């Protein structure tokens, strides 16, 4: 999923008790165990 601001998205998810893992600059994911069985990958849209 493409997002405008990875840091803003990360803060929003964590504020709502959703675990995220940063995989590099401009990229993170929500593990499948927290997302009904499917990992969700977020990438910053440049």
PDB file of N, CA and C in Angstrom:
ATOM      1  N   UNK A   1       0.844  -1.154   0.000  1.00  0.00           N
ATOM      2  CA  UNK A   1       0.000   0.000   0.000  1.00  0.00           C
ATOM      3  C   UNK A   1       0.896   1.225   0.000  1.00  0.00           C
ATOM      4  N   UNK A   2       0.615   2.176  -0.844  1.00  0.00           N
ATOM      5  CA  UNK A   2       1.395   3.394  -0.939  1.00  0.00           C
ATOM      6  C   UNK A   2       0.801   4.464  -0.028  1.00  0.00           C
ATOM      7  N   UNK A   3       1.665   5.135   0.743  1.00  0.00           N
ATOM      8  CA  UNK A   3       1.212   6.207   1.643  1.00  0.00           C
ATOM      9  C   UNK A   3       2.053   7.452   1.398  1.00  0.00           C
ATOM     10  N   UNK A   4       1.513   8.607   1.730  1.00  0.00           N
ATOM     11  CA  UNK A   4       2.242   9.864   1.537  1.00  0.00           C
ATOM     12  C   UNK A   4       3.319  10.072   2.581  1.00  0.00           C
ATOM     13  N   UNK A   5       3.043   9.681   3.815  1.00  0.00           N
ATOM     14  CA  UNK A   5       4.008   9.872   4.891  1.00  0.00           C
ATOM     15  C   UNK A   5       4.129   8.627   5.748  1.00  0.00           C
ATOM     16  N   UNK A   6       5.240   7.929   5.636  1.00  0.00           N
ATOM     17  CA  UNK A   6       5.404   6.672   6.369  1.00  0.00           C
ATOM     18  C   UNK A   6       5.430   6.923   7.872  1.00  0.00           C
ATOM     19  N   UNK A   7       6.056   8.011   8.315  1.00  0.00           N
ATOM     20  CA  UNK A   7       6.130   8.301   9.754  1.00  0.00           C
ATOM     21  C   UNK A   7       4.747   8.608  10.324  1.00  0.00           C
ATOM     22  N   UNK A   8       3.951   9.332   9.589  1.00  0.00           N
ATOM     23  CA  UNK A   8       2.583   9.653  10.034  1.00  0.00           C
ATOM     24  C   UNK A   8       1.751   8.380  10.114  1.00  0.00           C
ATOM     25  N   UNK A   9       1.886   7.528   9.107  1.00  0.00           N
ATOM     26  CA  UNK A   9       1.156   6.258   9.091  1.00  0.00           C
ATOM     27  C   UNK A   9       1.586   5.384  10.264  1.00  0.00           C
ATOM     28  N   UNK A  10       2.875   5.334  10.526  1.00  0.00           N
ATOM     29  CA  UNK A  10       3.384   4.539  11.637  1.00  0.00           C
ATOM     30  C   UNK A  10       2.826   5.044  12.968  1.00  0.00           C
ATOM     31  N   UNK A  11       2.830   6.352  13.181  1.00  0.00           N
ATOM     32  CA  UNK A  11       2.282   6.909  14.430  1.00  0.00           C
ATOM     33  C   UNK A  11       0.801   6.591  14.573  1.00  0.00           C
ATOM     34  N   UNK A  12       0.054   6.702  13.484  1.00  0.00           N
ATOM     35  CA  UNK A  12      -1.380   6.406  13.514  1.00  0.00           C
ATOM     36  C   UNK A  12      -1.627   4.949  13.896  1.00  0.00           C
ATOM     37  N   UNK A  13      -0.916   4.036  13.262  1.00  0.00           N
ATOM     38  CA  UNK A  13      -1.105   2.612  13.549  1.00  0.00           C
ATOM     39  C   UNK A  13      -0.733   2.293  14.996  1.00  0.00           C
ATOM     40  N   UNK A  14       0.417   2.783  15.449  1.00  0.00           N
ATOM     41  CA  UNK A  14       0.847   2.511  16.827  1.00  0.00           C
ATOM     42  C   UNK A  14      -0.085   3.135  17.851  1.00  0.00           C
ATOM     43  N   UNK A  15      -0.633   4.306  17.554  1.00  0.00           N
ATOM     44  CA  UNK A  15      -1.592   4.952  18.462  1.00  0.00           C
ATOM     45  C   UNK A  15      -2.861   4.115  18.613  1.00  0.00           C
ATOM     46  N   UNK A  16      -3.115   3.261  17.624  1.00  0.00           N
ATOM     47  CA  UNK A  16      -4.284   2.385  17.656  1.00  0.00           C
ATOM     48  C   UNK A  16      -3.912   0.946  17.994  1.00  0.00           C
ATOM     49  N   UNK A  17      -2.752   0.786  18.657  1.00  0.00           N
ATOM     50  CA  UNK A  17      -2.269  -0.516  19.143  1.00  0.00           C
ATOM     51  C   UNK A  17      -2.067  -1.555  18.051  1.00  0.00           C
ATOM     52  N   UNK A  18      -1.693  -1.102  16.866  1.00  0.00           N
ATOM     53  CA  UNK A  18      -1.396  -2.018  15.766  1.00  0.00           C
ATOM     54  C   UNK A  18       0.126  -2.094  15.642  1.00  0.00           C
ATOM     55  N   UNK A  19       0.693  -3.284  15.764  1.00  0.00           N
ATOM     56  CA  UNK A  19       2.147  -3.400  15.695  1.00  0.00           C
ATOM     57  C   UNK A  19       2.659  -3.194  14.271  1.00  0.00           C
ATOM     58  N   UNK A  20       3.761  -2.491  14.172  1.00  0.00           N
ATOM     59  CA  UNK A  20       4.404  -2.287  12.874  1.00  0.00           C
ATOM     60  C   UNK A  20       5.890  -2.580  13.008  1.00  0.00           C
ATOM     61  N   UNK A  21       6.491  -2.981  11.902  1.00  0.00           N
ATOM     62  CA  UNK A  21       7.919  -3.247  11.840  1.00  0.00           C
ATOM     63  C   UNK A  21       8.488  -2.465  10.669  1.00  0.00           C
ATOM     64  N   UNK A  22       9.488  -1.639  10.955  1.00  0.00           N
ATOM     65  CA  UNK A  22      10.155  -0.898   9.882  1.00  0.00           C
ATOM     66  C   UNK A  22      11.118  -1.850   9.183  1.00  0.00           C
ATOM     67  N   UNK A  23      11.090  -1.843   7.861  1.00  0.00           N
ATOM     68  CA  UNK A  23      11.964  -2.716   7.086  1.00  0.00           C
ATOM     69  C   UNK A  23      13.016  -1.933   6.326  1.00  0.00           C
ATOM     70  N   UNK A  24      12.952  -0.637   6.416  1.00  0.00           N
ATOM     71  CA  UNK A  24      13.911   0.232   5.740  1.00  0.00           C
ATOM     72  C   UNK A  24      13.344   1.629   5.681  1.00  0.00           C
ATOM     73  N   UNK A  25      14.116   2.568   5.181  1.00  0.00           N
ATOM     74  CA  UNK A  25      13.585   3.924   5.070  1.00  0.00           C
ATOM     75  C   UNK A  25      12.420   3.949   4.075  1.00  0.00           C
ATOM     76  N   UNK A  26      11.308   4.462   4.514  1.00  0.00           N
ATOM     77  CA  UNK A  26      10.152   4.551   3.633  1.00  0.00           C
ATOM     78  C   UNK A  26       9.355   3.285   3.479  1.00  0.00           C
ATOM     79  N   UNK A  27       9.580   2.291   4.362  1.00  0.00           N
ATOM     80  CA  UNK A  27       8.845   1.039   4.243  1.00  0.00           C
ATOM     81  C   UNK A  27       8.641   0.395   5.608  1.00  0.00           C
ATOM     82  N   UNK A  28       7.461  -0.180   5.809  1.00  0.00           N
ATOM     83  CA  UNK A  28       7.145  -0.906   7.043  1.00  0.00           C
ATOM     84  C   UNK A  28       6.030  -1.891   6.737  1.00  0.00           C
ATOM     85  N   UNK A  29       5.755  -2.780   7.709  1.00  0.00           N
ATOM     86  CA  UNK A  29       4.645  -3.697   7.518  1.00  0.00           C
ATOM     87  C   UNK A  29       3.956  -3.997   8.835  1.00  0.00           C
ATOM     88  N   UNK A  30       2.695  -4.399   8.702  1.00  0.00           N
ATOM     89  CA  UNK A  30       1.908  -4.913   9.821  1.00  0.00           C
ATOM     90  C   UNK A  30       1.930  -6.428   9.649  1.00  0.00           C
ATOM     91  N   UNK A  31       2.368  -7.159  10.676  1.00  0.00           N
ATOM     92  CA  UNK A  31       2.464  -8.613  10.526  1.00  0.00           C
ATOM     93  C   UNK A  31       1.091  -9.274  10.353  1.00  0.00           C
ATOM     94  N   UNK A  32       1.101 -10.410   9.693  1.00  0.00           N
ATOM     95  CA  UNK A  32      -0.139 -11.140   9.425  1.00  0.00           C
ATOM     96  C   UNK A  32      -0.908 -11.466  10.700  1.00  0.00           C
ATOM     97  N   UNK A  33      -0.191 -11.732  11.769  1.00  0.00           N
ATOM     98  CA  UNK A  33      -0.864 -12.083  13.026  1.00  0.00           C
ATOM     99  C   UNK A  33      -1.704 -10.938  13.581  1.00  0.00           C
ATOM    100  N   UNK A  34      -1.434  -9.717  13.153  1.00  0.00           N
ATOM    101  CA  UNK A  34      -2.195  -8.554  13.624  1.00  0.00           C
ATOM    102  C   UNK A  34      -3.189  -8.056  12.585  1.00  0.00           C
ATOM    103  N   UNK A  35      -3.206  -8.677  11.409  1.00  0.00           N
ATOM    104  CA  UNK A  35      -4.040  -8.179  10.315  1.00  0.00           C
ATOM    105  C   UNK A  35      -4.895  -9.284   9.699  1.00  0.00           C
ATOM    106  N   UNK A  36      -5.497 -10.083  10.551  1.00  0.00           N
ATOM    107  CA  UNK A  36      -6.417 -11.139  10.108  1.00  0.00           C
ATOM    108  C   UNK A  36      -5.800 -12.105   9.103  1.00  0.00           C
ATOM    109  N   UNK A  37      -4.496 -12.384   9.263  1.00  0.00           N
ATOM    110  CA  UNK A  37      -3.855 -13.411   8.452  1.00  0.00           C
ATOM    111  C   UNK A  37      -3.115 -12.940   7.216  1.00  0.00           C
ATOM    112  N   UNK A  38      -3.121 -11.648   6.944  1.00  0.00           N
ATOM    113  CA  UNK A  38      -2.432 -11.132   5.771  1.00  0.00           C
ATOM    114  C   UNK A  38      -1.533  -9.973   6.167  1.00  0.00           C
ATOM    115  N   UNK A  39      -0.250 -10.073   5.871  1.00  0.00           N
ATOM    116  CA  UNK A  39       0.665  -8.964   6.159  1.00  0.00           C
ATOM    117  C   UNK A  39       0.323  -7.786   5.254  1.00  0.00           C
ATOM    118  N   UNK A  40       0.433  -6.585   5.795  1.00  0.00           N
ATOM    119  CA  UNK A  40       0.172  -5.371   5.019  1.00  0.00           C
ATOM    120  C   UNK A  40       1.469  -4.579   4.955  1.00  0.00           C
ATOM    121  N   UNK A  41       1.936  -4.331   3.749  1.00  0.00           N
ATOM    122  CA  UNK A  41       3.183  -3.596   3.541  1.00  0.00           C
ATOM    123  C   UNK A  41       2.846  -2.169   3.124  1.00  0.00           C
ATOM    124  N   UNK A  42       3.508  -1.222   3.776  1.00  0.00           N
ATOM    125  CA  UNK A  42       3.331   0.198   3.475  1.00  0.00           C
ATOM    126  C   UNK A  42       4.627   0.730   2.912  1.00  0.00           C
ATOM    127  N   UNK A  43       4.539   1.488   1.807  1.00  0.00           N
ATOM    128  CA  UNK A  43       5.700   2.137   1.210  1.00  0.00           C
ATOM    129  C   UNK A  43       5.366   3.605   0.980  1.00  0.00           C
ATOM    130  N   UNK A  44       6.343   4.449   1.290  1.00  0.00           N
ATOM    131  CA  UNK A  44       6.127   5.869   1.079  1.00  0.00           C
ATOM    132  C   UNK A  44       6.114   6.188  -0.403  1.00  0.00           C
ATOM    133  N   UNK A  45       5.111   6.942  -0.806  1.00  0.00           N
ATOM    134  CA  UNK A  45       4.977   7.369  -2.205  1.00  0.00           C
ATOM    135  C   UNK A  45       5.748   8.657  -2.383  1.00  0.00           C
ATOM    136  N   UNK A  46       6.716   8.638  -3.264  1.00  0.00           N
ATOM    137  CA  UNK A  46       7.545   9.836  -3.471  1.00  0.00           C
ATOM    138  C   UNK A  46       6.937  10.780  -4.436  1.00  0.00           C
TER     139      UNK A  46
END
